[in-house]
Amino acid sequence: MKSRYDVVILGAGHNGLVAAAYLADAGLSVLLLEKNDYIGGATTSKKVFPDYDAHLSRYSYLVSLFPEKIVRDLGLNLELRRRATGSFTPYLKNGRHDGLLLSNVSEEVSRQSVFELTGSFTEFEQLQKFYGLARVFAENVWDTMLEPLVAKEDFRRRFDADDARREAWRSLAEEPLGRAIERYLHNDLVRGLVFTDAKIGVFTHPHDETLLQNRCFLYHLIGNRTGEWKVPVGGMGSVARELERAARQSGAEMFTRVNVRTLDITGKKRSVEFELDGKAQTVEARFLLVNFGLNVLAKLLGKPYQPDATDEGSVFKINMLLRRLPKLKATRYAETEAFCGTFHIDEGYKEMKASYDQAKQGKLPDKLPSEVYCHTLTDDSILSPELRAQGFHTMTLFGLDTPWPLFAGNNEMMRRRAEQRFVDGLDGWLAEPLEDCLAIARDGSLCIEGKSPVDIEEALGLYHGNIFQTAPTFPFAERKEQAGTWGVETELENVFLCGSSAQRGGAVSGIPGHNAAKKVLGMINGS
């Protein structure tokens, strides 16, 4: 290890790796320091259940926002595979179990499924019109994500060309999303299905005046102009491995198990004091990139952290290994078809209003909305050949309306209660208990692992378990002084955010890593 580098990056998650790869490829000396004993942060895959050769990502699972440009620039060997099913939502109608299936490969299947739910083709046409708003927005915003921020008013003018663009801007950037949902859609289940993308990871409701729900929704619908979420072949860990390879190949150095003690960022020098293998070390850097939350940075600097109320995390993650897929009560659908996409549970529009209201009152909701999906139905390479032959599968659950304060008092007890309630919710749509399908460890325990917002904060430093680190931001400059910046700047000289806390950060995107690298290179080149 040298005593001085051009760039020191704190945190070797996927965004830090993106920044390192760009900067090292440009000829700069780059050092990454990571507190954990592995590289990749939230995108890492691990043997979550040690008795079985199955590699799961504990915290992230699908890719949408990772720009194809970054893949090309860094020469990543990354395959993102399409899921045949977009989503499946089970329901009970006239005493009969059925399901709403939206296909990624057949519009007619989706149209017919909406007709069987509503008795009319109108709701499908309205659904298409509603998602058309997101497509219009994506067409106008996606290329700007890897450029300096545009002022809000200048950005809005891009939507003045015709009525369709003006409607997209009004519905998604100006008024609470609930108004557009209620204006376009009338079926409660369809409304809920749409609104889930506005809630995942954050604590909000359709008519939230902060527009937190709008910002979250956009992040789920604009990726690579289509908004489609795809399966990374080899698991989420394949993203981290490819980025690590690209960064190392370009000359970046990396160390794990690093305990950062203090940061000295006064004057012209930036130095990092840390402990590695029991020894105290100090390195200086011309530029310091921070790939963790503003809460962690404030702690290292000995400063108070003042989060916004919208920064509260609200997600519960459950990882499972199954001996077989559970059978459905909606027998007309094959399990492989239903679980291949995003399987929605108790996510009706009114149901989610009730669960939000209960959680807001400090109660664990009676019915917890959630969604599950099975990676191995699209890519089974994360399982050993033996497990594949025996019919094993992984299953991931993302739970909503579980804000951090619910778990802060007694995390152990509340985690168990929430996990059981989520499982009960899934069991309500199954013809057999999920427990009967779970793999069993050598000690007799079931292969299921729950992670509350408290657990997520402890493992990854994400403020109150917020998977975006801070509340998602609009993809434009909301304040005048932000226009023309990269959205990575801090009040500290030559200290930049390269992770989710940056403007346009959040999700597995690599965007803030790219933008921080561009900021540094621009300063070096005098532009």
Protein backbone atom coordinates (compact mmCIF):
# COMPACT_ATOMS: atom_id res chain seq x y z
CA MET A 1 0.00 0.00 0.00
CA LYS A 2 1.29 3.43 -0.96
CA SER A 3 1.04 6.41 1.35
CA ARG A 4 -0.68 8.60 -1.25
CA TYR A 5 -3.25 8.00 -4.01
CA ASP A 6 -5.02 10.15 -6.50
CA VAL A 7 -8.35 8.76 -5.28
CA VAL A 8 -9.36 6.86 -2.15
CA ILE A 9 -12.83 5.30 -2.22
CA LEU A 10 -14.52 4.37 1.04
CA GLY A 11 -16.81 1.40 0.48
CA ALA A 12 -16.40 -1.25 -2.21
CA GLY A 13 -20.05 -1.71 -3.11
CA HIS A 14 -21.06 -1.73 -6.76
CA ASN A 15 -20.99 2.08 -7.07
CA GLY A 16 -17.52 2.32 -5.56
CA LEU A 17 -16.36 -0.36 -7.98
CA VAL A 18 -17.84 1.52 -10.95
CA ALA A 19 -16.03 4.71 -9.92
CA ALA A 20 -12.78 2.81 -9.34
CA ALA A 21 -12.93 1.14 -12.75
CA TYR A 22 -13.48 4.43 -14.59
CA LEU A 23 -10.81 6.31 -12.64
CA ALA A 24 -8.16 3.58 -12.76
CA ASP A 25 -8.79 3.13 -16.48
CA ALA A 26 -8.06 6.86 -16.88
CA GLY A 27 -4.63 6.29 -15.33
CA LEU A 28 -5.27 7.49 -11.77
CA SER A 29 -4.02 5.62 -8.72
CA VAL A 30 -7.06 4.30 -6.87
CA LEU A 31 -7.48 2.63 -3.47
CA LEU A 32 -10.74 1.09 -2.25
CA LEU A 33 -11.24 0.44 1.45
CA GLU A 34 -14.06 -1.89 2.55
CA LYS A 35 -15.17 -2.62 6.15
CA ASN A 36 -16.66 -6.03 5.39
CA ASP A 37 -14.67 -9.16 4.55
CA TYR A 38 -16.02 -9.20 1.00
CA ILE A 39 -16.26 -6.92 -2.02
CA GLY A 40 -19.60 -5.86 -3.48
CA GLY A 41 -21.71 -4.51 -0.62
CA ALA A 42 -25.43 -5.15 -1.12
CA THR A 43 -24.84 -6.84 -4.48
CA THR A 44 -22.78 -9.70 -3.07
CA SER A 45 -24.00 -13.30 -3.34
CA LYS A 46 -23.24 -15.69 -0.49
CA LYS A 47 -24.02 -19.18 0.75
CA VAL A 48 -26.72 -17.84 3.07
CA PHE A 49 -27.53 -21.40 4.17
CA PRO A 50 -24.09 -23.04 4.65
CA ASP A 51 -25.34 -26.63 4.34
CA TYR A 52 -26.40 -26.06 0.74
CA ASP A 53 -24.44 -24.96 -2.33
CA ALA A 54 -26.78 -22.12 -3.28
CA HIS A 55 -25.55 -18.54 -3.67
CA LEU A 56 -28.17 -15.92 -2.78
CA SER A 57 -27.99 -12.15 -2.61
CA ARG A 58 -29.11 -11.12 0.86
CA TYR A 59 -30.17 -7.61 -0.03
CA SER A 60 -30.73 -7.07 -3.78
CA TYR A 61 -32.06 -9.28 -6.49
CA LEU A 62 -33.00 -7.70 -9.86
CA VAL A 63 -31.43 -5.18 -12.23
CA SER A 64 -33.15 -2.40 -14.17
CA LEU A 65 -31.31 0.88 -13.68
CA PHE A 66 -27.78 -0.28 -14.56
CA PRO A 67 -27.09 1.62 -17.81
CA GLU A 68 -25.97 -0.34 -20.86
CA LYS A 69 -23.43 2.44 -21.45
CA ILE A 70 -21.58 1.52 -18.23
CA VAL A 71 -21.59 -2.15 -19.26
CA ARG A 72 -20.03 -1.20 -22.60
CA ASP A 73 -17.57 1.36 -21.21
CA LEU A 74 -16.15 -1.05 -18.65
CA GLY A 75 -16.29 -4.14 -20.86
CA LEU A 76 -18.43 -6.08 -18.40
CA ASN A 77 -19.39 -9.65 -19.21
CA LEU A 78 -22.85 -9.30 -17.75
CA GLU A 79 -25.96 -11.12 -18.95
CA LEU A 80 -29.34 -9.81 -17.86
CA ARG A 81 -32.09 -12.29 -18.66
CA ARG A 82 -35.73 -11.47 -19.26
CA ARG A 83 -38.40 -13.02 -17.04
CA ALA A 84 -41.24 -14.56 -19.03
CA THR A 85 -43.73 -13.33 -16.41
CA GLY A 86 -43.77 -9.71 -15.37
CA SER A 87 -46.06 -10.13 -12.38
CA PHE A 88 -48.65 -12.46 -10.89
CA THR A 89 -51.26 -11.29 -8.39
CA PRO A 90 -53.51 -13.95 -6.85
CA TYR A 91 -57.09 -13.04 -5.97
CA LEU A 92 -60.36 -14.57 -4.84
CA LYS A 93 -63.44 -13.85 -6.97
CA ASN A 94 -66.87 -15.36 -6.46
CA GLY A 95 -65.36 -17.95 -4.12
CA ARG A 96 -62.81 -19.07 -6.74
CA HIS A 97 -59.04 -18.61 -6.58
CA ASP A 98 -57.55 -17.00 -9.66
CA GLY A 99 -54.71 -14.69 -10.59
CA LEU A 100 -53.86 -11.62 -12.63
CA LEU A 101 -50.90 -12.49 -14.84
CA LEU A 102 -49.02 -9.78 -16.72
CA SER A 103 -46.70 -11.34 -19.27
CA ASN A 104 -43.40 -9.95 -20.53
CA VAL A 105 -43.73 -11.88 -23.78
CA SER A 106 -47.43 -11.82 -24.71
CA GLU A 107 -49.61 -8.71 -24.58
CA GLU A 108 -52.66 -10.82 -25.37
CA VAL A 109 -52.12 -12.98 -22.26
CA SER A 110 -52.02 -9.82 -20.14
CA ARG A 111 -55.07 -8.33 -21.84
CA GLN A 112 -57.12 -11.48 -21.31
CA SER A 113 -56.03 -11.79 -17.69
CA VAL A 114 -57.14 -8.22 -16.92
CA PHE A 115 -60.45 -8.93 -18.70
CA GLU A 116 -61.07 -12.00 -16.53
CA LEU A 117 -60.47 -9.92 -13.41
CA THR A 118 -62.54 -6.88 -14.39
CA GLY A 119 -65.01 -8.14 -17.01
CA SER A 120 -63.86 -5.49 -19.46
CA PHE A 121 -60.90 -4.72 -21.72
CA THR A 122 -61.08 -1.05 -20.72
CA GLU A 123 -58.91 -1.45 -17.60
CA PHE A 124 -56.11 -3.02 -19.66
CA GLU A 125 -56.25 -0.13 -22.13
CA GLN A 126 -56.13 2.34 -19.23
CA LEU A 127 -53.21 0.44 -17.71
CA GLN A 128 -51.35 0.75 -21.02
CA LYS A 129 -52.06 4.48 -21.10
CA PHE A 130 -50.85 4.90 -17.53
CA TYR A 131 -47.58 3.06 -18.15
CA GLY A 132 -47.28 5.12 -21.32
CA LEU A 133 -46.69 8.13 -19.06
CA ALA A 134 -43.64 6.40 -17.57
CA ARG A 135 -42.33 5.52 -21.04
CA VAL A 136 -42.65 9.15 -22.14
CA PHE A 137 -40.81 10.24 -19.00
CA ALA A 138 -38.09 7.62 -19.51
CA GLU A 139 -37.51 8.68 -23.11
CA ASN A 140 -36.86 12.23 -21.95
CA VAL A 141 -34.82 11.47 -18.83
CA TRP A 142 -32.76 8.33 -19.28
CA ASP A 143 -29.80 9.76 -21.22
CA THR A 144 -29.52 12.64 -18.73
CA MET A 145 -28.82 10.27 -15.83
CA LEU A 146 -25.15 10.09 -16.88
CA GLU A 147 -24.83 13.86 -17.47
CA PRO A 148 -24.71 16.96 -15.22
CA LEU A 149 -28.04 17.87 -13.65
CA VAL A 150 -30.49 19.98 -15.64
CA ALA A 151 -32.47 22.71 -13.85
CA LYS A 152 -36.06 21.69 -13.10
CA GLU A 153 -37.58 24.44 -15.25
CA ASP A 154 -35.34 23.61 -18.22
CA PHE A 155 -36.19 19.95 -17.73
CA ARG A 156 -39.91 20.70 -17.67
CA ARG A 157 -39.66 22.49 -21.03
CA ARG A 158 -38.72 19.15 -22.60
CA PHE A 159 -42.26 18.05 -21.82
CA ASP A 160 -43.96 21.04 -23.46
CA ALA A 161 -43.87 19.58 -26.98
CA ASP A 162 -47.30 17.91 -26.86
CA ASP A 163 -50.19 16.90 -24.61
CA ALA A 164 -48.79 13.43 -23.91
CA ARG A 165 -45.56 14.85 -22.53
CA ARG A 166 -47.32 17.53 -20.52
CA GLU A 167 -49.57 14.86 -18.99
CA ALA A 168 -46.54 12.71 -18.13
CA TRP A 169 -44.84 15.65 -16.40
CA ARG A 170 -47.97 16.63 -14.46
CA SER A 171 -48.80 13.07 -13.38
CA LEU A 172 -45.30 11.98 -12.37
CA ALA A 173 -43.41 15.13 -11.34
CA GLU A 174 -45.96 17.67 -10.12
CA GLU A 175 -48.94 16.04 -8.40
CA PRO A 176 -49.12 13.12 -5.93
CA LEU A 177 -49.04 9.87 -7.89
CA GLY A 178 -52.30 8.67 -6.35
CA ARG A 179 -54.22 11.22 -8.40
CA ALA A 180 -53.01 9.79 -11.71
CA ILE A 181 -53.55 6.21 -10.54
CA GLU A 182 -57.12 7.01 -9.55
CA ARG A 183 -57.69 9.02 -12.72
CA TYR A 184 -56.59 6.23 -15.06
CA LEU A 185 -57.40 3.02 -13.17
CA HIS A 186 -60.56 1.83 -11.41
CA ASN A 187 -59.93 -1.73 -10.21
CA ASP A 188 -58.53 -1.88 -6.68
CA LEU A 189 -56.18 -4.79 -7.42
CA VAL A 190 -54.77 -3.11 -10.55
CA ARG A 191 -54.32 0.17 -8.69
CA GLY A 192 -52.43 -1.65 -5.95
CA LEU A 193 -50.28 -3.55 -8.41
CA VAL A 194 -49.18 -0.26 -9.97
CA PHE A 195 -48.61 1.54 -6.69
CA THR A 196 -46.26 -1.09 -5.23
CA ASP A 197 -43.44 0.32 -7.36
CA ALA A 198 -43.91 3.61 -5.53
CA LYS A 199 -43.54 2.01 -2.07
CA ILE A 200 -40.72 -0.51 -2.25
CA GLY A 201 -38.12 0.49 0.32
CA VAL A 202 -39.78 3.73 1.48
CA PHE A 203 -42.64 4.59 3.81
CA THR A 204 -45.25 6.47 1.84
CA HIS A 205 -48.83 6.55 0.55
CA PRO A 206 -50.55 7.54 -2.73
CA HIS A 207 -51.31 11.15 -1.77
CA ASP A 208 -48.04 11.96 0.01
CA GLU A 209 -47.47 15.70 -0.57
CA THR A 210 -43.67 15.21 -0.46
CA LEU A 211 -43.94 13.22 -3.74
CA LEU A 212 -41.69 10.55 -2.24
CA GLN A 213 -43.95 7.99 -3.91
CA ASN A 214 -43.45 9.67 -7.31
CA ARG A 215 -39.67 9.61 -6.99
CA CYS A 216 -39.64 5.95 -5.94
CA PHE A 217 -42.01 5.05 -8.78
CA LEU A 218 -39.82 6.72 -11.41
CA TYR A 219 -36.78 4.78 -10.23
CA HIS A 220 -38.67 1.57 -10.83
CA LEU A 221 -40.01 2.51 -14.27
CA ILE A 222 -37.32 4.38 -16.25
CA GLY A 223 -34.41 1.93 -16.37
CA ASN A 224 -32.83 1.79 -19.83
CA ARG A 225 -36.02 3.45 -21.14
CA THR A 226 -38.13 0.32 -20.60
CA GLY A 227 -38.20 -0.02 -16.81
CA GLU A 228 -38.10 -3.80 -17.14
CA TRP A 229 -36.42 -5.61 -14.26
CA LYS A 230 -34.15 -8.44 -15.36
CA VAL A 231 -32.36 -11.35 -13.74
CA PRO A 232 -28.54 -11.14 -13.56
CA VAL A 233 -27.26 -14.54 -14.72
CA GLY A 234 -25.03 -15.97 -12.00
CA GLY A 235 -26.89 -13.99 -9.37
CA MET A 236 -26.40 -10.45 -8.16
CA GLY A 237 -22.89 -11.44 -7.19
CA SER A 238 -22.01 -11.68 -10.87
CA VAL A 239 -22.49 -7.89 -11.12
CA ALA A 240 -20.06 -7.30 -8.24
CA ARG A 241 -17.55 -9.85 -9.57
CA GLU A 242 -17.46 -8.28 -13.03
CA LEU A 243 -17.05 -4.79 -11.61
CA GLU A 244 -14.29 -5.97 -9.29
CA ARG A 245 -12.51 -7.63 -12.23
CA ALA A 246 -12.77 -4.46 -14.33
CA ALA A 247 -11.46 -2.25 -11.51
CA ARG A 248 -8.55 -4.55 -10.62
CA GLN A 249 -7.66 -5.04 -14.27
CA SER A 250 -7.35 -1.27 -14.64
CA GLY A 251 -5.04 -1.11 -11.63
CA ALA A 252 -7.29 -0.26 -8.66
CA GLU A 253 -6.15 -1.64 -5.30
CA MET A 254 -8.61 -3.02 -2.74
CA PHE A 255 -8.50 -4.01 0.90
CA THR A 256 -11.25 -5.58 3.02
CA ARG A 257 -11.72 -5.78 6.82
CA VAL A 258 -10.76 -2.11 7.06
CA ASN A 259 -11.84 -0.20 10.14
CA VAL A 260 -11.83 3.52 9.29
CA ARG A 261 -10.97 5.54 12.40
CA THR A 262 -10.90 9.18 11.33
CA LEU A 263 -10.99 11.39 8.27
CA ASP A 264 -8.89 14.53 8.03
CA ILE A 265 -10.31 16.69 5.29
CA THR A 266 -9.20 20.11 6.43
CA GLY A 267 -7.16 22.29 4.13
CA LYS A 268 -5.75 20.91 0.90
CA LYS A 269 -5.10 17.38 2.15
CA ARG A 270 -7.50 14.53 2.58
CA SER A 271 -6.23 11.68 4.74
CA VAL A 272 -7.83 8.51 6.02
CA GLU A 273 -6.70 6.83 9.22
CA PHE A 274 -7.74 3.20 9.51
CA GLU A 275 -6.87 -0.14 10.98
CA LEU A 276 -5.96 -3.13 8.80
CA ASP A 277 -4.83 -6.50 10.14
CA GLY A 278 -4.37 -4.94 13.57
CA LYS A 279 -2.06 -2.19 12.31
CA ALA A 280 -2.76 1.53 12.12
CA GLN A 281 -2.45 2.98 8.62
CA THR A 282 -2.79 6.43 7.09
CA VAL A 283 -3.15 7.29 3.41
CA GLU A 284 -3.52 10.63 1.71
CA ALA A 285 -5.67 11.32 -1.31
CA ARG A 286 -6.17 14.12 -3.76
CA PHE A 287 -9.83 13.11 -3.99
CA LEU A 288 -11.97 11.19 -1.51
CA LEU A 289 -15.09 9.34 -2.72
CA VAL A 290 -17.69 8.21 -0.18
CA ASN A 291 -19.71 5.11 -1.05
CA PHE A 292 -21.82 4.94 2.10
CA GLY A 293 -24.59 6.95 3.68
CA LEU A 294 -24.45 10.54 4.85
CA ASN A 295 -25.23 9.18 8.33
CA VAL A 296 -21.96 7.21 8.38
CA LEU A 297 -19.99 10.15 6.97
CA ALA A 298 -21.37 12.45 9.67
CA LYS A 299 -20.36 9.96 12.35
CA LEU A 300 -16.80 9.74 11.02
CA LEU A 301 -16.56 13.53 10.96
CA GLY A 302 -18.01 13.86 14.45
CA LYS A 303 -20.92 15.92 13.16
CA PRO A 304 -24.67 15.59 13.84
CA TYR A 305 -26.76 13.96 11.15
CA GLN A 306 -30.11 15.53 10.33
CA PRO A 307 -32.14 13.21 8.08
CA ASP A 308 -35.35 14.19 6.38
CA ALA A 309 -38.52 12.41 7.47
CA THR A 310 -38.70 10.84 4.00
CA ASP A 311 -35.33 9.12 4.57
CA GLU A 312 -36.95 6.48 6.81
CA GLY A 313 -36.37 2.92 5.60
CA SER A 314 -39.34 0.58 5.34
CA VAL A 315 -38.48 -2.80 3.89
CA PHE A 316 -38.28 -6.36 5.23
CA LYS A 317 -36.26 -8.92 3.30
CA ILE A 318 -36.69 -12.69 3.54
CA ASN A 319 -34.36 -15.16 1.81
CA MET A 320 -35.46 -18.76 1.38
CA LEU A 321 -34.20 -22.02 -0.07
CA LEU A 322 -36.96 -24.41 -1.17
CA ARG A 323 -36.88 -28.16 -1.79
CA ARG A 324 -39.72 -27.58 -4.24
CA LEU A 325 -42.06 -24.81 -5.35
CA PRO A 326 -45.29 -24.64 -3.33
CA LYS A 327 -48.59 -25.46 -5.04
CA LEU A 328 -51.08 -22.64 -5.65
CA LYS A 329 -54.77 -22.44 -4.81
CA ALA A 330 -55.20 -20.84 -8.26
CA THR A 331 -54.72 -24.22 -9.94
CA ARG A 332 -55.13 -22.97 -13.50
CA TYR A 333 -51.63 -21.47 -13.30
CA ALA A 334 -48.40 -23.44 -13.11
CA GLU A 335 -46.19 -22.57 -10.14
CA THR A 336 -43.29 -22.03 -12.53
CA GLU A 337 -45.31 -19.38 -14.34
CA ALA A 338 -46.58 -17.55 -11.24
CA PHE A 339 -43.32 -17.41 -9.28
CA CYS A 340 -41.15 -16.62 -12.30
CA GLY A 341 -42.26 -12.98 -12.15
CA THR A 342 -43.05 -10.74 -9.17
CA PHE A 343 -45.73 -12.47 -7.09
CA HIS A 344 -47.82 -9.84 -5.26
CA ILE A 345 -49.33 -10.61 -1.87
CA ASP A 346 -51.95 -8.47 -0.09
CA GLU A 347 -51.06 -5.45 -2.21
CA GLY A 348 -54.51 -4.17 -3.09
CA TYR A 349 -54.82 -0.38 -3.10
CA LYS A 350 -57.13 -0.30 -0.06
CA GLU A 351 -55.16 -3.04 1.69
CA MET A 352 -51.98 -0.99 1.45
CA LYS A 353 -53.76 2.10 2.78
CA ALA A 354 -54.79 0.05 5.82
CA SER A 355 -51.30 -1.39 6.36
CA TYR A 356 -49.71 2.07 5.99
CA ASP A 357 -52.13 3.60 8.49
CA GLN A 358 -51.46 0.85 11.05
CA ALA A 359 -47.68 1.11 10.65
CA LYS A 360 -47.93 4.90 10.95
CA GLN A 361 -49.59 4.36 14.33
CA GLY A 362 -46.64 2.24 15.46
CA LYS A 363 -48.33 -1.13 14.97
CA LEU A 364 -47.22 -4.11 12.93
CA PRO A 365 -49.97 -4.27 10.28
CA ASP A 366 -52.46 -7.14 10.50
CA LYS A 367 -51.87 -7.90 6.80
CA LEU A 368 -48.43 -7.08 5.48
CA PRO A 369 -48.10 -6.34 1.75
CA SER A 370 -45.18 -8.10 0.09
CA GLU A 371 -43.88 -9.59 -3.13
CA VAL A 372 -41.85 -12.69 -3.82
CA TYR A 373 -39.92 -13.93 -6.79
CA CYS A 374 -37.91 -17.01 -7.72
CA HIS A 375 -34.52 -16.27 -9.32
CA THR A 376 -33.86 -19.89 -10.20
CA LEU A 377 -36.84 -20.15 -12.56
CA THR A 378 -35.01 -17.77 -14.91
CA ASP A 379 -31.41 -18.59 -13.98
CA ASP A 380 -30.62 -21.75 -12.02
CA SER A 381 -26.84 -21.30 -12.21
CA ILE A 382 -26.78 -20.04 -8.61
CA LEU A 383 -27.57 -23.63 -7.55
CA SER A 384 -25.17 -26.57 -7.69
CA PRO A 385 -25.97 -29.28 -10.29
CA GLU A 386 -27.06 -31.56 -7.45
CA LEU A 387 -29.59 -29.07 -6.10
CA ARG A 388 -30.90 -28.35 -9.59
CA ALA A 389 -31.41 -32.05 -10.21
CA GLN A 390 -33.37 -32.38 -6.96
CA GLY A 391 -35.72 -29.52 -7.87
CA PHE A 392 -34.47 -26.93 -5.36
CA HIS A 393 -35.27 -23.23 -5.82
CA THR A 394 -34.48 -19.93 -4.14
CA MET A 395 -37.19 -17.51 -3.18
CA THR A 396 -36.89 -13.84 -2.20
CA LEU A 397 -39.51 -11.77 -0.39
CA PHE A 398 -39.58 -7.97 -0.17
CA GLY A 399 -42.01 -6.73 2.48
CA LEU A 400 -43.57 -3.26 2.66
CA ASP A 401 -44.92 -1.03 5.43
CA THR A 402 -42.33 -2.20 7.96
CA PRO A 403 -40.61 1.07 8.97
CA TRP A 404 -37.53 1.11 11.16
CA PRO A 405 -39.25 2.40 14.35
CA LEU A 406 -41.33 -0.80 14.57
CA PHE A 407 -38.12 -2.78 15.14
CA ALA A 408 -35.95 -0.29 17.03
CA GLY A 409 -37.23 -1.26 20.48
CA ASN A 410 -36.96 -5.06 20.25
CA ASN A 411 -35.57 -6.14 16.90
CA GLU A 412 -35.37 -9.87 17.68
CA MET A 413 -38.98 -10.21 18.75
CA MET A 414 -40.41 -7.96 16.03
CA ARG A 415 -38.34 -9.64 13.31
CA ARG A 416 -39.82 -13.02 14.25
CA ARG A 417 -43.35 -11.62 14.34
CA ALA A 418 -43.00 -9.84 11.00
CA GLU A 419 -41.40 -12.85 9.32
CA GLN A 420 -44.24 -15.10 10.45
CA ARG A 421 -46.85 -12.57 9.32
CA PHE A 422 -45.28 -12.35 5.86
CA VAL A 423 -45.20 -16.14 5.61
CA ASP A 424 -48.86 -16.28 6.72
CA GLY A 425 -49.70 -13.81 3.95
CA LEU A 426 -48.07 -16.03 1.34
CA ASP A 427 -49.63 -19.17 2.81
CA GLY A 428 -53.05 -17.62 2.25
CA TRP A 429 -52.59 -18.15 -1.50
CA LEU A 430 -50.91 -21.55 -1.34
CA ALA A 431 -52.50 -25.00 -1.41
CA GLU A 432 -49.86 -26.23 1.05
CA PRO A 433 -47.86 -24.55 3.82
CA LEU A 434 -44.65 -22.87 2.70
CA GLU A 435 -42.94 -24.56 5.65
CA ASP A 436 -43.44 -27.96 4.01
CA CYS A 437 -41.45 -26.79 0.97
CA LEU A 438 -38.48 -25.18 2.71
CA ALA A 439 -35.10 -26.88 2.75
CA ILE A 440 -33.95 -28.13 6.16
CA ALA A 441 -30.48 -27.50 7.58
CA ARG A 442 -28.46 -30.20 9.32
CA ASP A 443 -29.43 -28.82 12.72
CA GLY A 444 -33.10 -29.21 11.82
CA SER A 445 -33.77 -25.50 11.26
CA LEU A 446 -35.63 -24.26 8.20
CA CYS A 447 -33.71 -22.43 5.45
CA ILE A 448 -35.40 -19.07 5.85
CA GLU A 449 -33.73 -15.83 6.90
CA GLY A 450 -35.44 -12.53 7.71
CA LYS A 451 -33.78 -9.11 7.67
CA SER A 452 -35.46 -6.11 9.28
CA PRO A 453 -34.56 -2.45 8.64
CA VAL A 454 -32.45 -2.57 11.83
CA ASP A 455 -30.51 -5.58 10.49
CA ILE A 456 -30.00 -3.86 7.13
CA GLU A 457 -28.67 -0.73 8.79
CA GLU A 458 -26.26 -2.74 10.94
CA ALA A 459 -24.95 -4.76 7.98
CA LEU A 460 -24.70 -2.04 5.34
CA GLY A 461 -24.85 1.30 7.15
CA LEU A 462 -28.02 2.26 5.26
CA TYR A 463 -29.83 4.87 7.33
CA HIS A 464 -32.69 3.13 9.18
CA GLY A 465 -32.52 0.34 6.62
CA ASN A 466 -33.40 2.59 3.68
CA ILE A 467 -32.33 0.60 0.60
CA PHE A 468 -31.79 3.93 -1.22
CA GLN A 469 -29.64 5.27 1.73
CA THR A 470 -31.66 8.49 1.56
CA ALA A 471 -34.99 9.22 -0.08
CA PRO A 472 -34.88 8.81 -3.88
CA THR A 473 -34.46 12.09 -5.75
CA PHE A 474 -35.99 13.45 -8.93
CA PRO A 475 -33.59 13.17 -11.91
CA PHE A 476 -33.22 16.94 -12.22
CA ALA A 477 -31.91 19.85 -10.14
CA GLU A 478 -34.66 20.98 -7.79
CA ARG A 479 -32.55 23.88 -6.52
CA LYS A 480 -30.88 26.45 -8.78
CA GLU A 481 -27.40 25.90 -7.35
CA GLN A 482 -27.55 22.20 -8.25
CA ALA A 483 -27.94 22.86 -11.98
CA GLY A 484 -24.80 21.92 -13.88
CA THR A 485 -23.39 19.83 -11.04
CA TRP A 486 -23.08 16.05 -11.11
CA GLY A 487 -25.15 15.61 -7.97
CA VAL A 488 -22.19 14.08 -6.11
CA GLU A 489 -20.74 17.23 -4.59
CA THR A 490 -20.47 17.85 -0.84
CA GLU A 491 -19.61 20.98 1.13
CA LEU A 492 -16.13 19.49 1.59
CA GLU A 493 -13.38 20.24 -0.91
CA ASN A 494 -12.61 17.32 -3.22
CA VAL A 495 -14.88 14.99 -1.23
CA PHE A 496 -17.67 13.49 -3.36
CA LEU A 497 -20.49 11.00 -2.92
CA CYS A 498 -20.22 8.00 -5.23
CA GLY A 499 -23.05 5.94 -3.76
CA SER A 500 -26.79 6.02 -3.27
CA SER A 501 -26.71 9.21 -1.18
CA ALA A 502 -25.85 11.17 -4.31
CA GLN A 503 -28.50 12.77 -6.51
CA ARG A 504 -29.88 10.07 -8.80
CA GLY A 505 -28.50 7.40 -6.48
CA GLY A 506 -30.27 4.30 -5.30
CA ALA A 507 -30.90 0.77 -6.59
CA VAL A 508 -28.27 -1.28 -8.40
CA SER A 509 -27.50 1.38 -10.99
CA GLY A 510 -23.83 2.33 -10.93
CA ILE A 511 -25.01 5.83 -11.91
CA PRO A 512 -23.57 7.76 -8.93
CA GLY A 513 -20.29 5.82 -9.27
CA HIS A 514 -20.06 6.89 -12.91
CA ASN A 515 -21.00 10.48 -12.10
CA ALA A 516 -18.47 10.79 -9.26
CA ALA A 517 -15.75 9.53 -11.59
CA LYS A 518 -16.80 12.07 -14.24
CA LYS A 519 -16.68 14.84 -11.62
CA VAL A 520 -13.11 13.91 -10.63
CA LEU A 521 -11.93 13.55 -14.22
CA GLY A 522 -13.52 16.88 -15.11
CA MET A 523 -11.63 18.62 -12.31
CA ILE A 524 -8.35 17.03 -13.32
CA ASN A 525 -8.88 17.98 -16.94
CA GLY A 526 -10.02 21.47 -16.02
CA SER A 527 -13.53 21.09 -17.39
